[in-house]
N, C-alpha and C. Protein backbone atom coordinates (compact mmCIF):
# COMPACT_ATOMS: atom_id res chain seq x y z
N MET A 1 -76.34 33.86 -97.70
CA MET A 1 -77.80 34.63 -97.24
C MET A 1 -78.41 33.74 -96.69
N PRO A 2 -77.37 33.95 -94.94
CA PRO A 2 -77.59 32.99 -93.63
C PRO A 2 -78.88 33.64 -93.55
N GLN A 3 -79.97 33.46 -93.59
CA GLN A 3 -80.63 33.61 -92.18
C GLN A 3 -81.63 34.52 -93.54
N GLY A 4 -81.59 33.97 -94.58
CA GLY A 4 -81.86 34.24 -95.03
C GLY A 4 -82.16 35.49 -96.04
N LYS A 5 -81.05 36.56 -95.72
CA LYS A 5 -80.94 37.56 -96.71
C LYS A 5 -80.00 38.03 -96.82
N LYS A 6 -79.75 39.02 -98.20
CA LYS A 6 -78.30 39.06 -98.74
C LYS A 6 -77.63 39.98 -98.03
N HIS A 7 -76.07 39.84 -97.66
CA HIS A 7 -75.21 40.45 -96.63
C HIS A 7 -74.20 40.72 -97.03
N PHE A 8 -73.25 42.05 -96.16
CA PHE A 8 -72.23 42.10 -96.11
C PHE A 8 -70.92 42.35 -95.26
N THR A 9 -69.95 40.85 -94.97
CA THR A 9 -69.04 40.85 -94.28
C THR A 9 -67.59 41.65 -94.34
N ILE A 10 -67.60 41.85 -93.25
CA ILE A 10 -65.68 41.89 -93.59
C ILE A 10 -65.69 41.31 -92.02
N ASP A 11 -64.23 40.62 -93.10
CA ASP A 11 -64.37 38.98 -92.52
C ASP A 11 -62.72 39.63 -91.72
N SER A 12 -63.21 38.33 -90.52
CA SER A 12 -61.54 39.21 -89.18
C SER A 12 -61.50 37.67 -89.25
N SER A 13 -61.29 36.68 -89.70
CA SER A 13 -60.80 35.90 -90.12
C SER A 13 -59.58 35.45 -90.61
N ILE A 14 -59.28 34.00 -90.98
CA ILE A 14 -57.88 34.39 -91.43
C ILE A 14 -58.30 34.40 -92.58
N THR A 15 -59.53 33.39 -93.04
CA THR A 15 -60.27 34.86 -94.57
C THR A 15 -60.16 35.70 -94.98
N THR A 16 -59.45 36.29 -94.62
CA THR A 16 -59.81 37.70 -95.11
C THR A 16 -58.43 37.80 -96.37
N PHE A 17 -56.82 37.33 -95.69
CA PHE A 17 -55.54 36.79 -97.06
C PHE A 17 -56.18 36.16 -97.55
N CYS A 18 -57.46 34.78 -98.03
CA CYS A 18 -57.55 34.14 -97.83
C CYS A 18 -57.69 34.69 -99.75
N ASN A 19 -57.14 34.57 -100.95
CA ASN A 19 -57.24 34.62 -102.42
C ASN A 19 -57.32 32.81 -102.78
N HIS A 20 -58.17 33.20 -104.29
CA HIS A 20 -58.08 32.25 -104.95
C HIS A 20 -57.62 31.09 -104.88
N GLY A 21 -57.88 29.37 -105.31
CA GLY A 21 -56.54 28.96 -105.62
C GLY A 21 -57.73 28.56 -107.13
N CYS A 22 -57.28 27.81 -107.80
CA CYS A 22 -58.17 28.43 -109.22
C CYS A 22 -57.42 26.98 -109.42
N ASN A 23 -58.46 25.87 -110.35
CA ASN A 23 -58.46 24.53 -110.69
C ASN A 23 -58.45 23.89 -108.88
N GLY A 24 -58.63 23.86 -108.14
CA GLY A 24 -58.32 22.69 -107.01
C GLY A 24 -56.54 22.60 -106.49
N THR A 25 -56.24 24.14 -106.05
CA THR A 25 -55.53 24.37 -105.62
C THR A 25 -55.78 25.60 -104.32
N ALA A 26 -56.78 25.35 -103.60
CA ALA A 26 -56.37 25.64 -102.26
C ALA A 26 -55.45 24.92 -101.14
N ASN A 27 -55.61 25.33 -100.37
CA ASN A 27 -54.23 25.18 -99.71
C ASN A 27 -55.29 25.34 -98.20
N TYR A 28 -56.41 26.12 -98.09
CA TYR A 28 -57.10 26.04 -97.32
C TYR A 28 -58.81 25.81 -97.34
N GLY A 29 -59.27 25.40 -96.26
CA GLY A 29 -61.06 24.78 -96.03
C GLY A 29 -61.85 24.80 -95.02
N GLU A 30 -62.61 24.62 -95.61
CA GLU A 30 -63.66 23.42 -95.08
C GLU A 30 -63.80 22.18 -94.49
N GLU A 31 -64.53 21.84 -94.02
CA GLU A 31 -63.94 20.39 -93.36
C GLU A 31 -64.89 19.38 -94.08
N GLU A 32 -65.78 20.18 -94.89
CA GLU A 32 -66.57 19.23 -95.67
C GLU A 32 -66.65 20.08 -96.71
N ASP A 33 -64.91 19.73 -97.73
CA ASP A 33 -64.60 20.22 -98.79
C ASP A 33 -65.63 18.95 -100.20
N ILE A 34 -66.49 19.99 -100.98
CA ILE A 34 -66.66 18.88 -101.69
C ILE A 34 -66.39 19.04 -103.07
N GLY A 35 -65.16 18.81 -103.41
CA GLY A 35 -63.80 18.46 -104.38
C GLY A 35 -64.48 19.33 -105.37
N LEU A 36 -65.71 19.50 -105.26
CA LEU A 36 -65.44 20.58 -106.72
C LEU A 36 -64.44 21.88 -106.87
N THR A 37 -64.28 21.95 -108.25
CA THR A 37 -64.36 24.07 -108.54
C THR A 37 -64.29 24.88 -109.18
N GLU A 38 -63.87 25.17 -109.57
CA GLU A 38 -65.13 26.41 -110.51
C GLU A 38 -65.34 26.18 -112.39
N MET A 39 -63.97 25.08 -111.90
CA MET A 39 -63.75 24.79 -113.59
C MET A 39 -64.87 22.93 -114.02
N THR A 40 -64.88 22.53 -112.50
CA THR A 40 -65.78 21.67 -112.79
C THR A 40 -67.25 20.84 -112.27
N VAL A 41 -67.35 22.53 -111.74
CA VAL A 41 -68.92 22.49 -110.84
C VAL A 41 -70.26 22.70 -112.49
N ASP A 42 -71.28 21.90 -112.17
CA ASP A 42 -72.22 22.84 -113.01
C ASP A 42 -73.48 22.96 -113.15
N LEU A 43 -72.61 24.35 -113.90
CA LEU A 43 -73.37 25.69 -113.92
C LEU A 43 -74.69 25.84 -114.19
N LYS A 44 -76.06 24.89 -113.41
CA LYS A 44 -77.08 25.24 -114.33
C LYS A 44 -77.73 24.31 -112.31
N ASN A 45 -76.87 24.00 -111.77
CA ASN A 45 -77.56 22.49 -110.91
C ASN A 45 -76.24 23.20 -109.61
N PRO A 46 -76.53 24.18 -109.31
CA PRO A 46 -75.27 24.22 -108.14
C PRO A 46 -75.96 24.41 -107.12
N PRO A 47 -74.24 23.25 -105.82
CA PRO A 47 -74.44 22.47 -105.53
C PRO A 47 -74.69 22.76 -103.65
N GLU A 48 -76.02 22.14 -103.09
CA GLU A 48 -75.62 22.96 -101.59
C GLU A 48 -75.16 23.08 -100.93
N GLU A 49 -74.48 21.86 -100.99
CA GLU A 49 -73.07 21.88 -99.71
C GLU A 49 -71.83 23.82 -100.42
N VAL A 50 -72.86 24.49 -101.52
CA VAL A 50 -72.29 25.91 -101.49
C VAL A 50 -72.80 26.70 -100.88
N PHE A 51 -73.17 27.01 -100.67
CA PHE A 51 -74.30 27.31 -99.62
C PHE A 51 -74.97 27.34 -98.98
N ASN A 52 -74.33 28.81 -97.46
CA ASN A 52 -74.97 28.59 -96.16
C ASN A 52 -75.72 28.18 -96.08
N LYS A 53 -75.85 27.75 -95.24
CA LYS A 53 -77.02 27.14 -94.50
C LYS A 53 -77.56 27.77 -92.86
N ALA A 54 -78.51 28.66 -92.91
CA ALA A 54 -79.38 29.61 -91.82
C ALA A 54 -79.91 28.33 -90.55
N ALA A 55 -79.21 27.87 -89.71
CA ALA A 55 -79.84 27.00 -88.72
C ALA A 55 -81.48 27.98 -88.48
N VAL A 56 -81.61 27.17 -87.23
CA VAL A 56 -82.82 27.33 -87.44
C VAL A 56 -83.29 28.39 -85.84
N HIS A 57 -84.17 29.82 -86.14
CA HIS A 57 -83.90 30.52 -85.09
C HIS A 57 -83.29 30.03 -83.59
N SER A 58 -82.18 31.24 -83.85
CA SER A 58 -81.96 30.31 -82.44
C SER A 58 -81.59 32.36 -81.81
N PRO A 59 -80.89 32.60 -80.61
CA PRO A 59 -80.89 33.91 -80.48
C PRO A 59 -79.34 34.22 -80.04
N VAL A 60 -78.39 32.53 -79.35
CA VAL A 60 -77.23 32.53 -79.12
C VAL A 60 -76.63 32.39 -80.86
N PHE A 61 -77.25 31.75 -82.01
CA PHE A 61 -76.41 31.74 -82.81
C PHE A 61 -76.65 32.74 -83.73
N GLY A 62 -78.44 33.77 -83.96
CA GLY A 62 -78.19 34.86 -84.51
C GLY A 62 -77.11 36.15 -83.66
N ARG A 63 -76.42 36.26 -82.75
CA ARG A 63 -75.51 37.35 -82.52
C ARG A 63 -74.73 36.65 -82.34
N HIS A 64 -74.30 35.77 -82.98
CA HIS A 64 -72.26 35.76 -82.91
C HIS A 64 -72.62 34.86 -83.89
N LEU A 65 -73.53 34.96 -85.17
CA LEU A 65 -73.38 34.98 -87.03
C LEU A 65 -72.75 34.30 -87.17
N ARG A 66 -71.40 36.26 -87.10
CA ARG A 66 -70.68 35.68 -87.88
C ARG A 66 -69.29 35.60 -87.18
N GLN A 67 -69.05 35.05 -86.37
CA GLN A 67 -67.59 34.29 -85.53
C GLN A 67 -68.19 32.69 -86.23
N ILE A 68 -69.50 32.51 -85.76
CA ILE A 68 -69.04 31.09 -86.31
C ILE A 68 -69.36 30.81 -87.94
N LEU A 69 -69.57 31.75 -88.61
CA LEU A 69 -69.21 32.04 -90.12
C LEU A 69 -67.79 31.83 -90.08
N GLY A 70 -67.53 31.93 -89.61
CA GLY A 70 -65.38 32.18 -89.11
C GLY A 70 -64.42 31.69 -89.21
N VAL A 71 -65.98 30.70 -88.13
CA VAL A 71 -64.55 29.74 -87.89
C VAL A 71 -64.19 28.26 -89.34
N GLY A 72 -63.70 26.82 -89.44
CA GLY A 72 -64.02 25.37 -89.01
C GLY A 72 -62.66 26.04 -90.60
N GLY A 73 -62.29 25.89 -90.60
CA GLY A 73 -61.65 25.75 -91.26
C GLY A 73 -59.96 25.85 -91.00
N TYR A 74 -59.29 24.87 -92.55
CA TYR A 74 -58.11 24.38 -91.43
C TYR A 74 -56.95 23.63 -92.73
N THR A 75 -55.54 23.78 -92.68
CA THR A 75 -54.87 23.76 -93.80
C THR A 75 -55.27 22.49 -94.09
N LEU A 76 -55.36 22.71 -95.33
CA LEU A 76 -56.06 21.31 -96.40
C LEU A 76 -54.06 20.74 -97.12
N ARG A 77 -52.58 21.06 -96.49
CA ARG A 77 -52.10 20.13 -96.48
C ARG A 77 -50.69 21.39 -95.52
N ASP A 78 -48.74 21.69 -96.42
CA ASP A 78 -48.36 22.08 -95.58
C ASP A 78 -48.52 23.80 -95.67
N ILE A 79 -48.54 24.29 -95.32
CA ILE A 79 -48.36 25.83 -96.69
C ILE A 79 -47.35 26.29 -95.70
N LYS A 80 -45.93 26.84 -97.48
CA LYS A 80 -44.92 26.81 -97.40
C LYS A 80 -44.91 28.45 -96.96
N LYS A 81 -43.28 28.54 -96.28
CA LYS A 81 -43.22 29.92 -96.07
C LYS A 81 -43.36 31.06 -96.82
N ARG A 82 -43.51 32.37 -96.65
CA ARG A 82 -44.53 32.80 -98.32
C ARG A 82 -45.60 32.17 -99.32
N GLU A 83 -45.50 31.24 -99.24
CA GLU A 83 -46.87 31.42 -99.81
C GLU A 83 -48.10 31.13 -99.79
N GLU A 84 -48.65 31.70 -100.61
CA GLU A 84 -49.71 32.32 -100.76
C GLU A 84 -51.07 31.55 -99.94
N ILE A 85 -52.14 31.89 -98.85
CA ILE A 85 -53.14 31.11 -98.39
C ILE A 85 -53.99 31.17 -99.46
N LYS A 86 -54.91 30.22 -100.33
CA LYS A 86 -55.54 30.27 -101.84
C LYS A 86 -57.34 29.39 -101.00
N CYS A 87 -58.12 29.50 -100.99
CA CYS A 87 -59.46 28.73 -100.73
C CYS A 87 -60.68 29.03 -101.78
N ASN A 88 -60.82 27.96 -102.02
CA ASN A 88 -62.39 27.43 -103.14
C ASN A 88 -63.01 28.95 -102.83
N TYR A 89 -63.23 29.33 -103.65
CA TYR A 89 -64.51 30.45 -103.36
C TYR A 89 -65.59 30.43 -103.67
N LEU A 90 -65.81 28.07 -104.38
CA LEU A 90 -66.66 28.52 -104.90
C LEU A 90 -67.81 28.92 -103.47
N SER A 91 -67.33 28.50 -102.12
CA SER A 91 -68.31 28.13 -101.07
C SER A 91 -67.85 29.67 -100.60
N PHE A 92 -67.72 31.07 -101.16
CA PHE A 92 -68.09 31.82 -101.19
C PHE A 92 -68.96 33.27 -101.97
N VAL A 93 -70.02 32.50 -102.62
CA VAL A 93 -71.01 32.78 -103.20
C VAL A 93 -71.93 32.52 -102.46
N GLY A 94 -73.20 33.68 -102.01
CA GLY A 94 -73.91 32.89 -101.11
C GLY A 94 -75.31 33.26 -101.71
N ASN A 95 -76.08 33.44 -102.54
CA ASN A 95 -76.64 33.22 -102.92
C ASN A 95 -77.29 32.76 -104.11
N PRO A 96 -77.19 31.38 -104.22
CA PRO A 96 -77.91 30.38 -105.31
C PRO A 96 -78.53 31.40 -107.17
N GLU A 97 -79.29 32.73 -106.69
CA GLU A 97 -79.06 33.07 -108.22
C GLU A 97 -78.76 33.57 -108.73
N ASP A 98 -76.90 33.53 -108.58
CA ASP A 98 -75.76 34.59 -108.17
C ASP A 98 -74.30 33.42 -109.13
N PHE A 99 -75.50 32.54 -108.36
CA PHE A 99 -74.10 31.26 -108.35
C PHE A 99 -73.27 31.85 -110.29
N GLU A 100 -74.04 31.42 -110.91
CA GLU A 100 -73.62 30.59 -112.72
C GLU A 100 -72.77 32.47 -112.69
N GLU A 101 -73.58 33.71 -112.59
CA GLU A 101 -72.35 34.89 -112.93
C GLU A 101 -71.22 34.98 -112.49
N GLU A 102 -71.40 34.32 -110.62
CA GLU A 102 -70.14 34.27 -110.09
C GLU A 102 -69.29 33.27 -110.59
N VAL A 103 -69.67 32.52 -110.66
CA VAL A 103 -68.68 31.05 -111.41
C VAL A 103 -67.87 31.45 -112.85
N THR A 104 -69.03 31.59 -113.45
CA THR A 104 -68.50 32.38 -114.64
C THR A 104 -67.51 33.73 -114.99
N ASP A 105 -67.48 34.30 -114.21
CA ASP A 105 -66.29 34.91 -114.03
C ASP A 105 -65.15 34.37 -113.30
N LEU A 106 -65.22 33.41 -111.51
CA LEU A 106 -63.50 32.87 -111.88
C LEU A 106 -63.53 32.14 -113.21
N ARG A 107 -64.55 31.60 -113.73
CA ARG A 107 -63.68 30.19 -115.37
C ARG A 107 -63.21 31.46 -116.05
N SER A 108 -62.97 32.32 -115.40
CA SER A 108 -62.80 33.45 -116.82
C SER A 108 -61.78 33.92 -116.38
N MET A 109 -61.23 34.49 -115.09
CA MET A 109 -59.59 34.93 -113.81
C MET A 109 -59.23 33.45 -114.20
N CYS A 110 -59.70 32.40 -113.37
CA CYS A 110 -59.41 31.12 -113.27
C CYS A 110 -58.03 30.98 -114.64
N SER A 111 -59.27 30.87 -115.91
CA SER A 111 -58.18 30.81 -117.39
C SER A 111 -57.04 32.18 -117.87
N GLY A 112 -57.55 32.53 -117.45
CA GLY A 112 -56.16 34.09 -117.95
C GLY A 112 -57.33 34.72 -118.82
N GLU A 113 -58.62 35.26 -119.30
CA GLU A 113 -59.65 35.14 -120.23
C GLU A 113 -58.54 37.31 -119.76
N THR A 114 -59.74 37.21 -117.91
CA THR A 114 -59.86 38.35 -118.22
C THR A 114 -59.04 38.70 -116.01
N MET A 115 -59.39 39.26 -115.71
CA MET A 115 -57.88 40.17 -114.63
C MET A 115 -58.87 39.89 -113.41
N GLY A 116 -58.75 39.93 -111.94
CA GLY A 116 -59.93 39.65 -110.92
C GLY A 116 -59.90 41.66 -110.75
N GLU A 117 -60.33 41.90 -109.42
CA GLU A 117 -60.20 42.93 -109.47
C GLU A 117 -59.82 44.49 -108.51
N ILE A 118 -59.09 43.24 -107.73
CA ILE A 118 -57.38 43.62 -107.04
C ILE A 118 -56.72 43.77 -107.70
N PHE A 119 -56.40 43.06 -108.73
CA PHE A 119 -54.91 42.97 -109.72
C PHE A 119 -55.56 44.24 -111.33
N GLU A 120 -57.25 44.58 -111.11
CA GLU A 120 -57.05 45.55 -112.38
C GLU A 120 -56.74 46.59 -111.39
N TYR A 121 -57.23 46.48 -110.49
CA TYR A 121 -56.92 47.66 -109.01
C TYR A 121 -55.76 48.34 -109.37
N GLU A 122 -55.00 47.42 -108.89
CA GLU A 122 -53.53 47.20 -108.58
C GLU A 122 -53.14 47.76 -109.87
N GLU A 123 -53.54 47.75 -111.50
CA GLU A 123 -52.69 48.54 -112.31
C GLU A 123 -53.34 49.21 -112.41
N GLY A 124 -54.26 49.86 -112.09
CA GLY A 124 -54.37 51.08 -112.78
C GLY A 124 -55.65 50.70 -114.28
N LYS A 125 -56.57 49.88 -113.90
CA LYS A 125 -56.88 49.24 -115.18
C LYS A 125 -58.17 49.24 -115.06
C-alpha cells in the first residue's frame, strides 16, 4: 500500500519470475531480510518490516515509485542453472488488514494442503 492506498502493479523487475520459497528456501530477496517465513511469523502481530513504507511525499519519488519498489533485491546465494528463482512472499503482502488471510493461504500451499492459483490454472481445476 505505497502512498496509503491499495494498488496493483505490473512488475518489470526480476521478481516477475520469482516463485514463493516455502519454509525459508528463498534464494533472492531484499537487503533487509527479516528472518521470518510464512510458518514462523505471528499471524496476529505482523512485523512492520514486511509492509512497504511510503516516504514523505516527493514529486521525484512519486514519478519513480514503481522503479524504486522494483529495485534492491539480490541473490541470497548462488543460483544454479535451471534452478527456480524464489522469494519470500511475506514481503509481497502490502495491506496489514490482509496479512492473516494471505499468510494463512501461504501456509496452506507450503504444507501441501492447497494448490497455488497458477498451479490450479495449469491443472485446469
